[in-house]
């Protein structure tokens, strides 16, 4: 039995983020039609809490695909120059269940998360949005910068990080890669002031973005935190915005950005106006005026990994990429 192994470079080369946005749109149309199966993710934390391993299985009916992502999350890796997310996406054939591919999970997570944020921003942000703030300077900042440039005429980019050296390194490298000047600022409030799109992409366990900083017309994409105890937004930021999510059940059970404000009585679950499947199929209204403040909170769904892995496998077959081996 032949098996394809796709490494990090294969993932980035085979599926540019602009292409991945279209793959995610198709996946969420399938989700909106109910043609998918996805149980809650299973997470096991190390006893001291410094890392975890998670399992995220799912089936997506159109295109027909079955996969599971097994991934570790070690936030402290960043200080050592390592990716915080390590693991594999295991793609299986849906008729017999035989394995088809092993795919680099860190790269898959990086591109599909940014693609989902960009898909939501394409619907929820103002079409002329040109000023982007990145709170965080890791892998997700890099992919979100590329994704937002794919859907909006971004002219100005500001980055802030809790580690100033990381922000400066990010600005230097990404300015050269994109041929643009990326500004580094000393505070998160300075970063977001006057911006049209704000992406929160940190591993913070306490809010780094405050509702008091929101300005008319802003769109916020909160993608950094996915499970407790990670949290990036204060209750006021959530309360003041028109709130949309990738999946209601996932967010309400896993995102402290919403769980905490709900527990405090600042909002209820009804504050969620729609999910991404409803947005892409126009079942709910997103932005209703240029002055609306919109917020998209995502925790990441296994169906995103399934759709991404399937597309990568198809492209690898066509282009001869990856390492082939017997299984």
C-alpha atoms as a PDB file:
ATOM      1  CA  UNK A   1       0.000   0.000   0.000  1.00  0.00           C
ATOM      2  CA  UNK A   2       1.449   3.372  -1.030  1.00  0.00           C
ATOM      3  CA  UNK A   3       1.479   6.259   1.420  1.00  0.00           C
ATOM      4  CA  UNK A   4       2.484   9.879   0.777  1.00  0.00           C
ATOM      5  CA  UNK A   5       4.308  11.922   3.405  1.00  0.00           C
ATOM      6  CA  UNK A   6       4.021  15.694   2.952  1.00  0.00           C
ATOM      7  CA  UNK A   7       6.465  17.798   4.927  1.00  0.00           C
ATOM      8  CA  UNK A   8       6.279  21.445   5.903  1.00  0.00           C
ATOM      9  CA  UNK A   9       7.776  22.741   2.647  1.00  0.00           C
ATOM     10  CA  UNK A  10       5.428  20.541   0.613  1.00  0.00           C
ATOM     11  CA  UNK A  11       2.411  22.044   2.386  1.00  0.00           C
ATOM     12  CA  UNK A  12       3.405  25.655   1.806  1.00  0.00           C
ATOM     13  CA  UNK A  13       4.446  25.048  -1.800  1.00  0.00           C
ATOM     14  CA  UNK A  14       1.391  23.016  -2.800  1.00  0.00           C
ATOM     15  CA  UNK A  15      -1.306  25.161  -1.205  1.00  0.00           C
ATOM     16  CA  UNK A  16      -0.743  28.934  -1.139  1.00  0.00           C
ATOM     17  CA  UNK A  17      -2.939  30.682   1.385  1.00  0.00           C
ATOM     18  CA  UNK A  18      -4.935  32.442  -1.324  1.00  0.00           C
ATOM     19  CA  UNK A  19      -5.881  29.016  -2.703  1.00  0.00           C
ATOM     20  CA  UNK A  20      -6.617  27.724   0.792  1.00  0.00           C
ATOM     21  CA  UNK A  21      -9.210  30.461   1.294  1.00  0.00           C
ATOM     22  CA  UNK A  22     -11.258  28.955  -1.537  1.00  0.00           C
ATOM     23  CA  UNK A  23     -10.833  25.467  -0.044  1.00  0.00           C
ATOM     24  CA  UNK A  24     -12.109  26.740   3.314  1.00  0.00           C
ATOM     25  CA  UNK A  25     -15.099  28.427   1.692  1.00  0.00           C
ATOM     26  CA  UNK A  26     -16.094  25.144   0.063  1.00  0.00           C
ATOM     27  CA  UNK A  27     -15.607  23.311   3.372  1.00  0.00           C
ATOM     28  CA  UNK A  28     -17.854  25.702   5.284  1.00  0.00           C
ATOM     29  CA  UNK A  29     -20.542  25.450   2.628  1.00  0.00           C
ATOM     30  CA  UNK A  30     -20.467  21.711   3.258  1.00  0.00           C
ATOM     31  CA  UNK A  31     -20.652  22.330   7.009  1.00  0.00           C
ATOM     32  CA  UNK A  32     -23.625  24.662   6.505  1.00  0.00           C
ATOM     33  CA  UNK A  33     -25.366  21.862   4.597  1.00  0.00           C
ATOM     34  CA  UNK A  34     -24.803  19.515   7.552  1.00  0.00           C
ATOM     35  CA  UNK A  35     -22.755  17.095   5.455  1.00  0.00           C
ATOM     36  CA  UNK A  36     -19.993  16.502   7.995  1.00  0.00           C
ATOM     37  CA  UNK A  37     -19.202  14.716  11.252  1.00  0.00           C
ATOM     38  CA  UNK A  38     -16.944  16.191  13.904  1.00  0.00           C
ATOM     39  CA  UNK A  39     -16.807  15.162  17.580  1.00  0.00           C
ATOM     40  CA  UNK A  40     -15.309  17.407  20.230  1.00  0.00           C
ATOM     41  CA  UNK A  41     -11.525  17.452  20.242  1.00  0.00           C
ATOM     42  CA  UNK A  42      -9.792  15.361  22.889  1.00  0.00           C
ATOM     43  CA  UNK A  43      -6.980  17.082  24.795  1.00  0.00           C
ATOM     44  CA  UNK A  44      -4.601  15.629  27.365  1.00  0.00           C
ATOM     45  CA  UNK A  45      -2.484  18.101  29.333  1.00  0.00           C
ATOM     46  CA  UNK A  46       0.864  17.285  30.869  1.00  0.00           C
ATOM     47  CA  UNK A  47       0.699  17.273  34.687  1.00  0.00           C
ATOM     48  CA  UNK A  48       2.548  20.592  34.994  1.00  0.00           C
ATOM     49  CA  UNK A  49       0.398  22.194  32.276  1.00  0.00           C
ATOM     50  CA  UNK A  50       3.267  23.337  30.056  1.00  0.00           C
ATOM     51  CA  UNK A  51       2.088  21.310  27.069  1.00  0.00           C
ATOM     52  CA  UNK A  52      -0.715  19.174  25.694  1.00  0.00           C
ATOM     53  CA  UNK A  53      -1.546  16.636  23.014  1.00  0.00           C
ATOM     54  CA  UNK A  54      -4.824  16.755  21.153  1.00  0.00           C
ATOM     55  CA  UNK A  55      -6.766  14.587  18.730  1.00  0.00           C
ATOM     56  CA  UNK A  56      -9.165  16.109  16.177  1.00  0.00           C
ATOM     57  CA  UNK A  57     -10.989  13.628  13.908  1.00  0.00           C
ATOM     58  CA  UNK A  58     -13.594  14.582  11.310  1.00  0.00           C
ATOM     59  CA  UNK A  59     -15.417  13.548   8.146  1.00  0.00           C
ATOM     60  CA  UNK A  60     -16.327  15.983   5.379  1.00  0.00           C
ATOM     61  CA  UNK A  61     -18.876  14.865   2.822  1.00  0.00           C
ATOM     62  CA  UNK A  62     -18.095  17.158  -0.118  1.00  0.00           C
ATOM     63  CA  UNK A  63     -15.436  16.573  -1.160  1.00  0.00           C
ATOM     64  CA  UNK A  64     -15.500  13.142   0.468  1.00  0.00           C
ATOM     65  CA  UNK A  65     -12.659  13.039   3.020  1.00  0.00           C
ATOM     66  CA  UNK A  66     -11.751  11.502   6.373  1.00  0.00           C
ATOM     67  CA  UNK A  67      -8.840  12.516   8.595  1.00  0.00           C
ATOM     68  CA  UNK A  68      -7.580  13.034  12.102  1.00  0.00           C
ATOM     69  CA  UNK A  69      -5.098  15.607  13.310  1.00  0.00           C
ATOM     70  CA  UNK A  70      -2.873  14.580  16.189  1.00  0.00           C
ATOM     71  CA  UNK A  71      -1.013  17.609  17.462  1.00  0.00           C
ATOM     72  CA  UNK A  72       0.946  18.810  20.467  1.00  0.00           C
ATOM     73  CA  UNK A  73       0.861  22.384  21.724  1.00  0.00           C
ATOM     74  CA  UNK A  74       3.837  23.676  23.690  1.00  0.00           C
ATOM     75  CA  UNK A  75       3.652  27.510  23.838  1.00  0.00           C
ATOM     76  CA  UNK A  76       7.101  27.783  25.430  1.00  0.00           C
ATOM     77  CA  UNK A  77       8.645  26.315  22.264  1.00  0.00           C
ATOM     78  CA  UNK A  78       8.647  29.798  20.742  1.00  0.00           C
ATOM     79  CA  UNK A  79      11.330  30.960  23.155  1.00  0.00           C
ATOM     80  CA  UNK A  80      13.583  28.189  21.836  1.00  0.00           C
ATOM     81  CA  UNK A  81      12.883  28.996  18.189  1.00  0.00           C
ATOM     82  CA  UNK A  82      10.564  26.023  17.710  1.00  0.00           C
ATOM     83  CA  UNK A  83       6.970  25.929  16.489  1.00  0.00           C
ATOM     84  CA  UNK A  84       4.420  25.678  19.279  1.00  0.00           C
ATOM     85  CA  UNK A  85       2.309  23.190  17.270  1.00  0.00           C
ATOM     86  CA  UNK A  86       3.852  19.835  16.319  1.00  0.00           C
ATOM     87  CA  UNK A  87       2.128  16.799  14.841  1.00  0.00           C
ATOM     88  CA  UNK A  88       0.535  15.151  11.821  1.00  0.00           C
ATOM     89  CA  UNK A  89      -2.714  15.068   9.901  1.00  0.00           C
ATOM     90  CA  UNK A  90      -3.557  11.490   8.905  1.00  0.00           C
ATOM     91  CA  UNK A  91      -5.708  11.334   5.766  1.00  0.00           C
ATOM     92  CA  UNK A  92      -7.739   8.164   5.110  1.00  0.00           C
ATOM     93  CA  UNK A  93      -9.769   6.872   2.172  1.00  0.00           C
ATOM     94  CA  UNK A  94     -13.499   6.861   2.942  1.00  0.00           C
ATOM     95  CA  UNK A  95     -14.529   3.516   1.423  1.00  0.00           C
ATOM     96  CA  UNK A  96     -12.131   1.163   3.184  1.00  0.00           C
ATOM     97  CA  UNK A  97     -10.441   3.500   5.662  1.00  0.00           C
ATOM     98  CA  UNK A  98      -6.959   2.799   4.289  1.00  0.00           C
ATOM     99  CA  UNK A  99      -4.368   5.503   5.025  1.00  0.00           C
ATOM    100  CA  UNK A 100      -3.461   7.823   2.162  1.00  0.00           C
ATOM    101  CA  UNK A 101      -1.170  10.500   3.555  1.00  0.00           C
ATOM    102  CA  UNK A 102       0.685  11.848   6.562  1.00  0.00           C
ATOM    103  CA  UNK A 103       0.808  15.641   6.448  1.00  0.00           C
ATOM    104  CA  UNK A 104       2.766  18.188   8.508  1.00  0.00           C
ATOM    105  CA  UNK A 105       0.168  19.418  10.998  1.00  0.00           C
ATOM    106  CA  UNK A 106       1.926  22.621  11.995  1.00  0.00           C
ATOM    107  CA  UNK A 107       1.935  23.887   8.429  1.00  0.00           C
ATOM    108  CA  UNK A 108      -1.660  22.767   7.856  1.00  0.00           C
ATOM    109  CA  UNK A 109      -2.777  24.567  11.022  1.00  0.00           C
ATOM    110  CA  UNK A 110      -0.897  27.707  10.019  1.00  0.00           C
ATOM    111  CA  UNK A 111      -2.401  28.054   6.558  1.00  0.00           C
ATOM    112  CA  UNK A 112      -5.947  26.899   7.250  1.00  0.00           C
ATOM    113  CA  UNK A 113      -6.306  29.115  10.360  1.00  0.00           C
ATOM    114  CA  UNK A 114      -5.215  32.194   8.431  1.00  0.00           C
ATOM    115  CA  UNK A 115      -7.382  31.222   5.465  1.00  0.00           C
ATOM    116  CA  UNK A 116     -10.456  30.930   7.703  1.00  0.00           C
ATOM    117  CA  UNK A 117      -9.715  34.324   9.278  1.00  0.00           C
ATOM    118  CA  UNK A 118      -9.364  35.846   5.807  1.00  0.00           C
ATOM    119  CA  UNK A 119     -12.574  34.211   4.600  1.00  0.00           C
ATOM    120  CA  UNK A 120     -14.437  35.772   7.521  1.00  0.00           C
ATOM    121  CA  UNK A 121     -12.688  39.125   7.043  1.00  0.00           C
ATOM    122  CA  UNK A 122     -13.651  39.168   3.374  1.00  0.00           C
ATOM    123  CA  UNK A 123     -17.278  39.098   4.493  1.00  0.00           C
ATOM    124  CA  UNK A 124     -17.075  41.149   7.701  1.00  0.00           C
ATOM    125  CA  UNK A 125     -14.453  43.852   7.147  1.00  0.00           C
ATOM    126  CA  UNK A 126     -14.970  46.992   5.105  1.00  0.00           C
ATOM    127  CA  UNK A 127     -13.947  46.419   1.450  1.00  0.00           C
ATOM    128  CA  UNK A 128     -11.538  49.358   1.518  1.00  0.00           C
ATOM    129  CA  UNK A 129      -9.771  48.203   4.709  1.00  0.00           C
ATOM    130  CA  UNK A 130      -6.077  48.992   4.246  1.00  0.00           C
ATOM    131  CA  UNK A 131      -4.550  49.193   7.741  1.00  0.00           C
ATOM    132  CA  UNK A 132      -3.709  45.923   9.495  1.00  0.00           C
ATOM    133  CA  UNK A 133      -2.605  45.379  13.091  1.00  0.00           C
ATOM    134  CA  UNK A 134      -1.046  42.090  14.180  1.00  0.00           C
ATOM    135  CA  UNK A 135      -0.972  41.343  17.899  1.00  0.00           C
ATOM    136  CA  UNK A 136       1.592  38.556  17.998  1.00  0.00           C
ATOM    137  CA  UNK A 137       4.658  37.848  15.876  1.00  0.00           C
ATOM    138  CA  UNK A 138       4.793  34.080  15.460  1.00  0.00           C
ATOM    139  CA  UNK A 139       3.820  31.739  12.639  1.00  0.00           C
ATOM    140  CA  UNK A 140       0.185  32.816  12.688  1.00  0.00           C
ATOM    141  CA  UNK A 141       1.194  36.452  12.311  1.00  0.00           C
ATOM    142  CA  UNK A 142       3.150  35.519   9.195  1.00  0.00           C
ATOM    143  CA  UNK A 143       0.299  33.553   7.616  1.00  0.00           C
ATOM    144  CA  UNK A 144      -2.368  36.068   8.652  1.00  0.00           C
ATOM    145  CA  UNK A 145      -0.368  38.882   7.060  1.00  0.00           C
ATOM    146  CA  UNK A 146      -0.293  36.947   3.798  1.00  0.00           C
ATOM    147  CA  UNK A 147      -3.966  35.991   4.048  1.00  0.00           C
ATOM    148  CA  UNK A 148      -5.220  39.510   4.761  1.00  0.00           C
ATOM    149  CA  UNK A 149      -3.138  40.886   1.893  1.00  0.00           C
ATOM    150  CA  UNK A 150      -4.890  38.353  -0.341  1.00  0.00           C
ATOM    151  CA  UNK A 151      -8.369  39.719   0.392  1.00  0.00           C
ATOM    152  CA  UNK A 152      -7.894  43.416   1.162  1.00  0.00           C
ATOM    153  CA  UNK A 153      -5.736  46.295  -0.218  1.00  0.00           C
ATOM    154  CA  UNK A 154      -3.420  46.360   2.806  1.00  0.00           C
ATOM    155  CA  UNK A 155      -1.100  49.368   2.681  1.00  0.00           C
ATOM    156  CA  UNK A 156      -0.018  49.722   6.314  1.00  0.00           C
ATOM    157  CA  UNK A 157       0.977  46.946   8.744  1.00  0.00           C
ATOM    158  CA  UNK A 158       1.713  47.391  12.448  1.00  0.00           C
ATOM    159  CA  UNK A 159       2.932  44.603  14.706  1.00  0.00           C
ATOM    160  CA  UNK A 160       3.116  44.298  18.477  1.00  0.00           C
ATOM    161  CA  UNK A 161       4.375  41.367  20.488  1.00  0.00           C
ATOM    162  CA  UNK A 162       4.769  40.686  24.180  1.00  0.00           C
ATOM    163  CA  UNK A 163       8.425  40.038  23.299  1.00  0.00           C
ATOM    164  CA  UNK A 164       9.780  43.118  21.556  1.00  0.00           C
ATOM    165  CA  UNK A 165      12.727  41.296  19.970  1.00  0.00           C
ATOM    166  CA  UNK A 166      10.321  38.881  18.292  1.00  0.00           C
ATOM    167  CA  UNK A 167       8.298  41.773  16.870  1.00  0.00           C
ATOM    168  CA  UNK A 168      11.419  43.439  15.464  1.00  0.00           C
ATOM    169  CA  UNK A 169      12.630  40.176  13.887  1.00  0.00           C
ATOM    170  CA  UNK A 170       9.192  39.576  12.390  1.00  0.00           C
ATOM    171  CA  UNK A 171       9.030  43.096  10.949  1.00  0.00           C
ATOM    172  CA  UNK A 172      12.495  42.799   9.439  1.00  0.00           C
ATOM    173  CA  UNK A 173      11.874  39.413   7.810  1.00  0.00           C
ATOM    174  CA  UNK A 174       8.320  40.028   6.597  1.00  0.00           C
ATOM    175  CA  UNK A 175       9.070  43.530   5.337  1.00  0.00           C
ATOM    176  CA  UNK A 176      11.732  42.008   3.098  1.00  0.00           C
ATOM    177  CA  UNK A 177       9.483  39.144   2.012  1.00  0.00           C
ATOM    178  CA  UNK A 178       6.540  41.353   1.064  1.00  0.00           C
ATOM    179  CA  UNK A 179       8.451  44.421  -0.080  1.00  0.00           C
ATOM    180  CA  UNK A 180       6.666  46.672   2.387  1.00  0.00           C
ATOM    181  CA  UNK A 181       7.467  48.486   5.618  1.00  0.00           C
ATOM    182  CA  UNK A 182       6.082  46.844   8.766  1.00  0.00           C
ATOM    183  CA  UNK A 183       6.007  49.099  11.811  1.00  0.00           C
ATOM    184  CA  UNK A 184       6.812  47.888  15.336  1.00  0.00           C
ATOM    185  CA  UNK A 185       5.109  49.571  18.282  1.00  0.00           C
ATOM    186  CA  UNK A 186       5.549  49.280  22.027  1.00  0.00           C
ATOM    187  CA  UNK A 187       1.949  48.632  23.092  1.00  0.00           C
ATOM    188  CA  UNK A 188      -1.070  46.753  21.827  1.00  0.00           C
ATOM    189  CA  UNK A 189      -3.194  49.892  22.095  1.00  0.00           C
ATOM    190  CA  UNK A 190      -0.759  51.785  19.858  1.00  0.00           C
ATOM    191  CA  UNK A 191      -0.857  48.913  17.345  1.00  0.00           C
ATOM    192  CA  UNK A 192      -4.622  48.907  16.892  1.00  0.00           C
ATOM    193  CA  UNK A 193      -5.207  52.664  16.931  1.00  0.00           C
ATOM    194  CA  UNK A 194      -6.572  53.760  13.562  1.00  0.00           C
ATOM    195  CA  UNK A 195      -6.456  50.256  12.059  1.00  0.00           C
ATOM    196  CA  UNK A 196      -9.200  48.623   9.997  1.00  0.00           C
ATOM    197  CA  UNK A 197      -8.406  44.946  10.675  1.00  0.00           C
ATOM    198  CA  UNK A 198      -6.895  43.615  13.887  1.00  0.00           C
ATOM    199  CA  UNK A 199      -5.671  40.031  14.243  1.00  0.00           C
ATOM    200  CA  UNK A 200      -5.019  38.715  17.758  1.00  0.00           C
ATOM    201  CA  UNK A 201      -2.555  35.850  17.448  1.00  0.00           C
ATOM    202  CA  UNK A 202      -0.983  35.327  20.850  1.00  0.00           C
ATOM    203  CA  UNK A 203      -0.768  32.559  23.434  1.00  0.00           C
ATOM    204  CA  UNK A 204      -1.918  34.952  26.156  1.00  0.00           C
ATOM    205  CA  UNK A 205      -3.832  33.691  29.182  1.00  0.00           C
ATOM    206  CA  UNK A 206      -5.118  37.190  30.027  1.00  0.00           C
ATOM    207  CA  UNK A 207      -6.614  39.776  27.648  1.00  0.00           C
ATOM    208  CA  UNK A 208      -4.239  41.693  25.400  1.00  0.00           C
ATOM    209  CA  UNK A 209      -7.039  43.520  23.536  1.00  0.00           C
ATOM    210  CA  UNK A 210      -9.510  45.834  25.273  1.00  0.00           C
ATOM    211  CA  UNK A 211     -12.950  46.863  24.139  1.00  0.00           C
ATOM    212  CA  UNK A 212     -12.111  50.478  24.973  1.00  0.00           C
ATOM    213  CA  UNK A 213      -9.793  50.481  21.933  1.00  0.00           C
ATOM    214  CA  UNK A 214     -12.500  49.619  19.421  1.00  0.00           C
ATOM    215  CA  UNK A 215     -13.238  52.239  16.797  1.00  0.00           C
ATOM    216  CA  UNK A 216     -16.124  52.479  14.296  1.00  0.00           C
ATOM    217  CA  UNK A 217     -15.625  50.201  11.313  1.00  0.00           C
ATOM    218  CA  UNK A 218     -13.020  47.925  12.888  1.00  0.00           C
ATOM    219  CA  UNK A 219     -12.941  44.194  12.264  1.00  0.00           C
ATOM    220  CA  UNK A 220     -11.223  41.933  14.791  1.00  0.00           C
ATOM    221  CA  UNK A 221     -10.105  38.392  14.026  1.00  0.00           C
ATOM    222  CA  UNK A 222      -9.354  36.560  17.274  1.00  0.00           C
ATOM    223  CA  UNK A 223      -7.506  33.353  16.401  1.00  0.00           C
ATOM    224  CA  UNK A 224      -4.758  32.997  18.985  1.00  0.00           C
ATOM    225  CA  UNK A 225      -6.626  31.215  21.767  1.00  0.00           C
ATOM    226  CA  UNK A 226      -8.496  27.967  21.213  1.00  0.00           C
ATOM    227  CA  UNK A 227      -8.765  26.207  24.596  1.00  0.00           C
ATOM    228  CA  UNK A 228      -8.740  27.271  28.254  1.00  0.00           C
ATOM    229  CA  UNK A 229      -6.880  28.942  29.882  1.00  0.00           C
ATOM    230  CA  UNK A 230      -5.861  30.993  26.825  1.00  0.00           C
ATOM    231  CA  UNK A 231      -7.697  34.293  26.359  1.00  0.00           C
ATOM    232  CA  UNK A 232      -6.954  37.433  24.319  1.00  0.00           C
ATOM    233  CA  UNK A 233     -10.068  39.646  24.520  1.00  0.00           C
ATOM    234  CA  UNK A 234     -11.645  41.382  27.487  1.00  0.00           C
ATOM    235  CA  UNK A 235     -15.399  41.155  28.008  1.00  0.00           C
ATOM    236  CA  UNK A 236     -16.002  44.667  26.718  1.00  0.00           C
ATOM    237  CA  UNK A 237     -14.415  43.856  23.354  1.00  0.00           C
ATOM    238  CA  UNK A 238     -16.757  40.920  22.884  1.00  0.00           C
ATOM    239  CA  UNK A 239     -19.796  42.822  24.159  1.00  0.00           C
ATOM    240  CA  UNK A 240     -19.336  45.839  21.875  1.00  0.00           C
ATOM    241  CA  UNK A 241     -18.903  43.911  18.636  1.00  0.00           C
ATOM    242  CA  UNK A 242     -21.165  42.112  16.216  1.00  0.00           C
ATOM    243  CA  UNK A 243     -19.928  38.629  17.049  1.00  0.00           C
ATOM    244  CA  UNK A 244     -19.481  35.721  14.638  1.00  0.00           C
ATOM    245  CA  UNK A 245     -17.691  32.411  15.188  1.00  0.00           C
ATOM    246  CA  UNK A 246     -16.373  29.440  13.248  1.00  0.00           C
ATOM    247  CA  UNK A 247     -18.676  27.040  15.146  1.00  0.00           C
ATOM    248  CA  UNK A 248     -21.033  27.813  18.024  1.00  0.00           C
ATOM    249  CA  UNK A 249     -20.649  24.530  19.890  1.00  0.00           C
ATOM    250  CA  UNK A 250     -16.860  24.573  19.685  1.00  0.00           C
ATOM    251  CA  UNK A 251     -16.520  28.186  20.764  1.00  0.00           C
ATOM    252  CA  UNK A 252     -18.977  27.926  23.654  1.00  0.00           C
ATOM    253  CA  UNK A 253     -17.221  24.868  25.038  1.00  0.00           C
ATOM    254  CA  UNK A 254     -13.592  25.819  24.359  1.00  0.00           C
ATOM    255  CA  UNK A 255     -13.040  29.583  24.027  1.00  0.00           C
ATOM    256  CA  UNK A 256     -12.431  31.535  27.223  1.00  0.00           C
ATOM    257  CA  UNK A 257     -12.740  34.699  25.111  1.00  0.00           C
ATOM    258  CA  UNK A 258     -16.492  33.957  25.259  1.00  0.00           C
ATOM    259  CA  UNK A 259     -16.819  31.565  28.177  1.00  0.00           C
ATOM    260  CA  UNK A 260     -15.523  34.113  30.691  1.00  0.00           C
ATOM    261  CA  UNK A 261     -17.781  37.023  29.597  1.00  0.00           C
ATOM    262  CA  UNK A 262     -20.748  34.636  29.639  1.00  0.00           C
ATOM    263  CA  UNK A 263     -19.854  33.424  33.139  1.00  0.00           C
ATOM    264  CA  UNK A 264     -19.495  37.035  34.288  1.00  0.00           C
ATOM    265  CA  UNK A 265     -22.921  37.933  32.848  1.00  0.00           C
ATOM    266  CA  UNK A 266     -21.517  40.453  30.342  1.00  0.00           C
ATOM    267  CA  UNK A 267     -23.106  38.584  27.421  1.00  0.00           C
ATOM    268  CA  UNK A 268     -25.127  35.453  26.729  1.00  0.00           C
ATOM    269  CA  UNK A 269     -24.713  32.827  24.035  1.00  0.00           C
ATOM    270  CA  UNK A 270     -27.301  34.772  22.014  1.00  0.00           C
ATOM    271  CA  UNK A 271     -24.665  37.446  21.434  1.00  0.00           C
ATOM    272  CA  UNK A 272     -23.322  35.152  18.700  1.00  0.00           C
ATOM    273  CA  UNK A 273     -25.047  36.344  15.525  1.00  0.00           C
ATOM    274  CA  UNK A 274     -23.916  33.530  13.274  1.00  0.00           C
ATOM    275  CA  UNK A 275     -21.207  31.062  12.349  1.00  0.00           C
ATOM    276  CA  UNK A 276     -18.967  30.992   9.303  1.00  0.00           C
ATOM    277  CA  UNK A 277     -21.096  28.478   7.429  1.00  0.00           C
ATOM    278  CA  UNK A 278     -24.064  30.800   7.800  1.00  0.00           C
ATOM    279  CA  UNK A 279     -21.986  33.763   6.648  1.00  0.00           C
ATOM    280  CA  UNK A 280     -20.661  32.121   3.473  1.00  0.00           C
ATOM    281  CA  UNK A 281     -24.148  30.934   2.528  1.00  0.00           C
ATOM    282  CA  UNK A 282     -25.664  34.350   3.376  1.00  0.00           C
ATOM    283  CA  UNK A 283     -28.043  32.842   5.926  1.00  0.00           C
ATOM    284  CA  UNK A 284     -27.091  35.638   8.322  1.00  0.00           C
ATOM    285  CA  UNK A 285     -26.093  39.260   7.743  1.00  0.00           C
ATOM    286  CA  UNK A 286     -22.525  40.193   8.614  1.00  0.00           C
ATOM    287  CA  UNK A 287     -21.576  43.854   8.379  1.00  0.00           C
ATOM    288  CA  UNK A 288     -24.652  46.074   8.087  1.00  0.00           C
ATOM    289  CA  UNK A 289     -22.894  49.456   7.853  1.00  0.00           C
ATOM    290  CA  UNK A 290     -19.375  50.869   7.413  1.00  0.00           C
ATOM    291  CA  UNK A 291     -19.337  51.833  11.108  1.00  0.00           C
ATOM    292  CA  UNK A 292     -20.147  48.372  12.462  1.00  0.00           C
ATOM    293  CA  UNK A 293     -17.546  46.803  14.730  1.00  0.00           C
ATOM    294  CA  UNK A 294     -17.284  43.126  13.835  1.00  0.00           C
ATOM    295  CA  UNK A 295     -15.544  40.277  15.636  1.00  0.00           C
ATOM    296  CA  UNK A 296     -14.763  36.804  14.341  1.00  0.00           C
ATOM    297  CA  UNK A 297     -13.755  34.350  17.047  1.00  0.00           C
ATOM    298  CA  UNK A 298     -12.306  31.035  15.887  1.00  0.00           C
ATOM    299  CA  UNK A 299     -10.995  28.036  17.773  1.00  0.00           C
ATOM    300  CA  UNK A 300     -10.220  25.874  14.740  1.00  0.00           C
ATOM    301  CA  UNK A 301     -12.266  22.945  13.451  1.00  0.00           C
ATOM    302  CA  UNK A 302     -11.127  19.487  12.440  1.00  0.00           C
ATOM    303  CA  UNK A 303     -13.058  19.756   9.169  1.00  0.00           C
ATOM    304  CA  UNK A 304     -10.639  22.516   8.169  1.00  0.00           C
ATOM    305  CA  UNK A 305      -7.742  20.089   8.561  1.00  0.00           C
ATOM    306  CA  UNK A 306      -9.623  17.403   6.620  1.00  0.00           C
ATOM    307  CA  UNK A 307     -10.366  19.729   3.687  1.00  0.00           C
ATOM    308  CA  UNK A 308      -6.803  21.042   3.645  1.00  0.00           C
ATOM    309  CA  UNK A 309      -5.233  17.578   3.790  1.00  0.00           C
ATOM    310  CA  UNK A 310      -7.467  16.284   1.007  1.00  0.00           C
ATOM    311  CA  UNK A 311      -6.580  19.208  -1.264  1.00  0.00           C
ATOM    312  CA  UNK A 312      -2.893  18.758  -0.510  1.00  0.00           C
ATOM    313  CA  UNK A 313      -3.102  15.042  -1.281  1.00  0.00           C
ATOM    314  CA  UNK A 314      -4.812  15.718  -4.624  1.00  0.00           C
ATOM    315  CA  UNK A 315      -2.221  18.316  -5.600  1.00  0.00           C
ATOM    316  CA  UNK A 316       0.659  16.089  -4.474  1.00  0.00           C
ATOM    317  CA  UNK A 317      -0.673  13.298  -6.690  1.00  0.00           C
ATOM    318  CA  UNK A 318      -0.846  15.597  -9.696  1.00  0.00           C
ATOM    319  CA  UNK A 319       2.523  17.268  -9.165  1.00  0.00           C
ATOM    320  CA  UNK A 320       4.543  14.360  -7.845  1.00  0.00           C
ATOM    321  CA  UNK A 321       5.333  16.014  -4.519  1.00  0.00           C
ATOM    322  CA  UNK A 322       5.954  14.290  -1.201  1.00  0.00           C
ATOM    323  CA  UNK A 323       7.772  11.146  -0.163  1.00  0.00           C
ATOM    324  CA  UNK A 324       6.232   7.848  -1.276  1.00  0.00           C
ATOM    325  CA  UNK A 325       6.581   4.720   0.802  1.00  0.00           C
ATOM    326  CA  UNK A 326       5.055   1.326   1.482  1.00  0.00           C
ATOM    327  CA  UNK A 327       2.722   1.010   4.448  1.00  0.00           C
END
